[in-house]
C-alpha atoms as a PDB file:
ATOM      1  CA  UNK A   1     -10.673  20.636 -40.063  1.00  0.00           C
ATOM      2  CA  UNK A   2      -9.055  23.042 -37.625  1.00  0.00           C
ATOM      3  CA  UNK A   3     -11.381  26.040 -37.342  1.00  0.00           C
ATOM      4  CA  UNK A   4      -8.988  28.609 -35.914  1.00  0.00           C
ATOM      5  CA  UNK A   5      -7.774  31.228 -38.378  1.00  0.00           C
ATOM      6  CA  UNK A   6      -4.341  30.853 -36.807  1.00  0.00           C
ATOM      7  CA  UNK A   7      -4.156  27.210 -37.867  1.00  0.00           C
ATOM      8  CA  UNK A   8      -5.328  27.396 -41.468  1.00  0.00           C
ATOM      9  CA  UNK A   9      -4.033  25.216 -44.279  1.00  0.00           C
ATOM     10  CA  UNK A  10      -2.822  28.200 -46.335  1.00  0.00           C
ATOM     11  CA  UNK A  11      -0.439  29.184 -43.576  1.00  0.00           C
ATOM     12  CA  UNK A  12       0.416  25.563 -42.678  1.00  0.00           C
ATOM     13  CA  UNK A  13       0.030  23.205 -45.686  1.00  0.00           C
ATOM     14  CA  UNK A  14       0.993  20.279 -43.405  1.00  0.00           C
ATOM     15  CA  UNK A  15      -2.552  20.490 -42.015  1.00  0.00           C
ATOM     16  CA  UNK A  16      -3.743  18.686 -45.162  1.00  0.00           C
ATOM     17  CA  UNK A  17      -1.554  15.697 -44.217  1.00  0.00           C
ATOM     18  CA  UNK A  18      -2.750  15.803 -40.614  1.00  0.00           C
ATOM     19  CA  UNK A  19      -6.365  15.821 -41.794  1.00  0.00           C
ATOM     20  CA  UNK A  20      -5.629  12.934 -44.172  1.00  0.00           C
ATOM     21  CA  UNK A  21      -4.389  11.034 -41.111  1.00  0.00           C
ATOM     22  CA  UNK A  22      -7.715  11.893 -39.444  1.00  0.00           C
ATOM     23  CA  UNK A  23      -6.025  13.603 -36.510  1.00  0.00           C
ATOM     24  CA  UNK A  24      -8.372  15.473 -34.212  1.00  0.00           C
ATOM     25  CA  UNK A  25      -8.364  19.283 -34.279  1.00  0.00           C
ATOM     26  CA  UNK A  26      -6.814  19.225 -30.789  1.00  0.00           C
ATOM     27  CA  UNK A  27      -3.884  17.082 -31.949  1.00  0.00           C
ATOM     28  CA  UNK A  28      -3.383  19.294 -35.007  1.00  0.00           C
ATOM     29  CA  UNK A  29      -3.411  22.413 -32.840  1.00  0.00           C
ATOM     30  CA  UNK A  30      -0.885  20.827 -30.473  1.00  0.00           C
ATOM     31  CA  UNK A  31       1.448  19.879 -33.338  1.00  0.00           C
ATOM     32  CA  UNK A  32       1.296  23.327 -34.960  1.00  0.00           C
ATOM     33  CA  UNK A  33       1.762  25.063 -31.598  1.00  0.00           C
ATOM     34  CA  UNK A  34       4.860  22.901 -30.990  1.00  0.00           C
ATOM     35  CA  UNK A  35       6.291  23.895 -34.379  1.00  0.00           C
ATOM     36  CA  UNK A  36       5.650  20.605 -36.202  1.00  0.00           C
ATOM     37  CA  UNK A  37       4.791  22.508 -39.375  1.00  0.00           C
ATOM     38  CA  UNK A  38       6.409  20.620 -42.249  1.00  0.00           C
ATOM     39  CA  UNK A  39       7.345  17.164 -43.502  1.00  0.00           C
ATOM     40  CA  UNK A  40      11.065  17.692 -42.904  1.00  0.00           C
ATOM     41  CA  UNK A  41      10.382  18.016 -39.182  1.00  0.00           C
ATOM     42  CA  UNK A  42       8.189  14.905 -39.230  1.00  0.00           C
ATOM     43  CA  UNK A  43      11.028  12.948 -40.841  1.00  0.00           C
ATOM     44  CA  UNK A  44      13.435  13.948 -38.053  1.00  0.00           C
ATOM     45  CA  UNK A  45      11.206  13.381 -35.016  1.00  0.00           C
ATOM     46  CA  UNK A  46      12.294  10.989 -32.265  1.00  0.00           C
ATOM     47  CA  UNK A  47      10.431   9.348 -29.393  1.00  0.00           C
ATOM     48  CA  UNK A  48      11.617  11.962 -26.907  1.00  0.00           C
ATOM     49  CA  UNK A  49      10.080  14.655 -29.128  1.00  0.00           C
ATOM     50  CA  UNK A  50       6.699  12.927 -28.832  1.00  0.00           C
ATOM     51  CA  UNK A  51       7.088  12.876 -25.058  1.00  0.00           C
ATOM     52  CA  UNK A  52       7.652  16.647 -25.136  1.00  0.00           C
ATOM     53  CA  UNK A  53       4.718  17.278 -27.493  1.00  0.00           C
ATOM     54  CA  UNK A  54       2.302  15.075 -25.502  1.00  0.00           C
ATOM     55  CA  UNK A  55       3.567  15.416 -21.899  1.00  0.00           C
ATOM     56  CA  UNK A  56       0.296  14.816 -20.039  1.00  0.00           C
ATOM     57  CA  UNK A  57      -0.957  11.364 -19.099  1.00  0.00           C
ATOM     58  CA  UNK A  58      -4.324  12.370 -20.512  1.00  0.00           C
ATOM     59  CA  UNK A  59      -2.656  12.682 -23.953  1.00  0.00           C
ATOM     60  CA  UNK A  60      -1.330   9.119 -24.150  1.00  0.00           C
ATOM     61  CA  UNK A  61      -4.048   8.074 -26.601  1.00  0.00           C
ATOM     62  CA  UNK A  62      -3.261  11.057 -28.832  1.00  0.00           C
ATOM     63  CA  UNK A  63       0.448  10.224 -28.677  1.00  0.00           C
ATOM     64  CA  UNK A  64      -0.130   6.585 -29.614  1.00  0.00           C
ATOM     65  CA  UNK A  65      -2.455   7.468 -32.482  1.00  0.00           C
ATOM     66  CA  UNK A  66      -0.078  10.148 -33.842  1.00  0.00           C
ATOM     67  CA  UNK A  67       2.967   7.868 -33.502  1.00  0.00           C
ATOM     68  CA  UNK A  68       1.216   5.113 -35.440  1.00  0.00           C
ATOM     69  CA  UNK A  69       0.175   7.469 -38.249  1.00  0.00           C
ATOM     70  CA  UNK A  70       3.696   8.939 -38.369  1.00  0.00           C
ATOM     71  CA  UNK A  71       5.300   5.503 -38.615  1.00  0.00           C
ATOM     72  CA  UNK A  72       2.933   4.416 -41.390  1.00  0.00           C
ATOM     73  CA  UNK A  73       3.662   7.664 -43.268  1.00  0.00           C
ATOM     74  CA  UNK A  74       7.409   7.190 -42.868  1.00  0.00           C
ATOM     75  CA  UNK A  75       7.147   3.642 -44.228  1.00  0.00           C
ATOM     76  CA  UNK A  76       5.151   4.925 -47.183  1.00  0.00           C
ATOM     77  CA  UNK A  77       7.716   7.711 -47.740  1.00  0.00           C
ATOM     78  CA  UNK A  78      10.547   5.179 -47.640  1.00  0.00           C
ATOM     79  CA  UNK A  79       8.782   3.025 -50.243  1.00  0.00           C
ATOM     80  CA  UNK A  80       8.084   6.014 -52.511  1.00  0.00           C
ATOM     81  CA  UNK A  81      11.716   7.063 -52.189  1.00  0.00           C
ATOM     82  CA  UNK A  82      12.825   3.759 -53.699  1.00  0.00           C
ATOM     83  CA  UNK A  83      14.067   2.423 -50.381  1.00  0.00           C
ATOM     84  CA  UNK A  84      16.082   5.567 -49.764  1.00  0.00           C
ATOM     85  CA  UNK A  85      17.677   6.374 -46.436  1.00  0.00           C
ATOM     86  CA  UNK A  86      16.276   4.421 -43.539  1.00  0.00           C
ATOM     87  CA  UNK A  87      14.194   6.631 -41.314  1.00  0.00           C
ATOM     88  CA  UNK A  88      14.494   6.045 -37.604  1.00  0.00           C
ATOM     89  CA  UNK A  89      11.519   4.211 -36.212  1.00  0.00           C
ATOM     90  CA  UNK A  90      10.610   4.370 -32.537  1.00  0.00           C
ATOM     91  CA  UNK A  91      11.890   0.893 -31.807  1.00  0.00           C
ATOM     92  CA  UNK A  92       8.655  -0.592 -33.110  1.00  0.00           C
ATOM     93  CA  UNK A  93       7.729  -1.988 -36.472  1.00  0.00           C
ATOM     94  CA  UNK A  94       4.114  -1.014 -37.013  1.00  0.00           C
ATOM     95  CA  UNK A  95       2.418  -1.497 -40.336  1.00  0.00           C
ATOM     96  CA  UNK A  96      -0.494   0.525 -41.585  1.00  0.00           C
ATOM     97  CA  UNK A  97      -2.860  -2.378 -40.906  1.00  0.00           C
ATOM     98  CA  UNK A  98      -1.927  -2.294 -37.224  1.00  0.00           C
ATOM     99  CA  UNK A  99      -2.877   1.371 -36.796  1.00  0.00           C
ATOM    100  CA  UNK A 100      -6.061   1.977 -34.916  1.00  0.00           C
ATOM    101  CA  UNK A 101      -8.596   3.525 -37.243  1.00  0.00           C
ATOM    102  CA  UNK A 102     -11.308   5.296 -35.252  1.00  0.00           C
ATOM    103  CA  UNK A 103     -14.895   4.463 -36.049  1.00  0.00           C
ATOM    104  CA  UNK A 104     -17.170   7.368 -36.768  1.00  0.00           C
ATOM    105  CA  UNK A 105     -18.848   6.675 -33.422  1.00  0.00           C
ATOM    106  CA  UNK A 106     -15.602   7.005 -31.398  1.00  0.00           C
END
């Protein structure tokens, strides 16, 4: 959970989703700081947005992990929506089973 009072789940309910995805507090802080504060924004994100959010080479792992979780969530959303409008993927078809799930020791 993000400890900062500024990034609490009452102010930003999206934090619950980010925690469900097991994103690190640093990734959550980055997303909130960049204004990624609701599901509507997540649905509209493009690859170039990820490049802006995670611009440093040292953040490549965070970007990959977030992108994978986002794609799995979008696929789940599409299925719950009865196959509603196709959401733009990042040119990759990644299923939930292909997402890296960190071990507790990582």
